[in-house]
Amino acid sequence: MTQSAAIVTGAAGDIGAAIAARLAEDHDVVLLADIDAAAAAAVAAKLGPAGRFVAIGCDVTSEMSISELAKRAADAGLVRTLVNNAGAARATSLHDTTPEIWRADNALNLEAAFLCFRAFEPMLKASKGSVVNIASVNGMNVFGHPAYSAAKAGLLHFTRLVAVEYGKFGIRSNAVAPGTVKTQAWEARAAANPNVFEEARRWYPLQRVVDPRDVANAVGFLAGPLAAAISGVCLPVDCGLTAGQAELARTFSQSEHY
């Protein structure tokens, strides 16, 4: 019997590792793809047996590199789930965004998802599989990092494009939009400002920021049978951030209940 496989790009990071661990509950093998092959291998070794977690070095902005990833995946099993998680943000403001930064952020955060989907399209058709794109609340509202945000907004529309055009093949396409996630990427900010998480927390209705496992659980749901009739949606995993801000509601309403 052919093994079911899941692919997670950007898998060496905290969110990618959490997603890989969650998908292992529903797949025979999980391929951890990352431009840092050594880091991906370390994560794979930590997660479990080599046969269950396979680390592969891959530059998701390179068609040739993605083609090699697809070949490795075909040998591992039938790809049932593709998670486009690789991403990064550079300049924090539009003023500081150079043309090079704009192009680089779009290549990694938007074009890479397109390239990966096209490479795995035949396998996803064969498995009637699922695509889950890791977007961001930045693609829905303005929270800084403009090039990254514009790319994530494009990723949300790409999610719908796949859902509409490829639904006839049984392929489902959805997105998860995390808010602030407590990862290693925030360590530098926390080192510069120890109160950064406390300052962020006040804007979230749930009064906390997101844990990588929160994102992973959302991916597991969207990729699994419980979401069999769900396609083309964006699921915010943001502790209520995009629903509204209590502080603003309190100011506007002058009510102590917010």
Foldseek 3Di string as FASTA:
>chain_A
DFWEEEEFEPLLWQLNLLLLLLCLVPTQAYEYEYLPQVSQVVSQVVSDDCLRYPYDYADLLDLVRLLVVLVVVVVSGQYAEYELEFADFDFFAPVPDDPVRLVVRLSGLAVSLVSNCVSNVVSCLVNLHEYEYEAACLCVDPDTRVSNNVSSVNNLVVQQVCCVPVVVSNYAGEYEHFYDEPTPVCVVVCVVPVCVQVVVQQFAPQSGHHYSNLVSVVSSCCRDPVVSVDHSYYHYPGNCNVVGGPVVVCVVVVDPPD
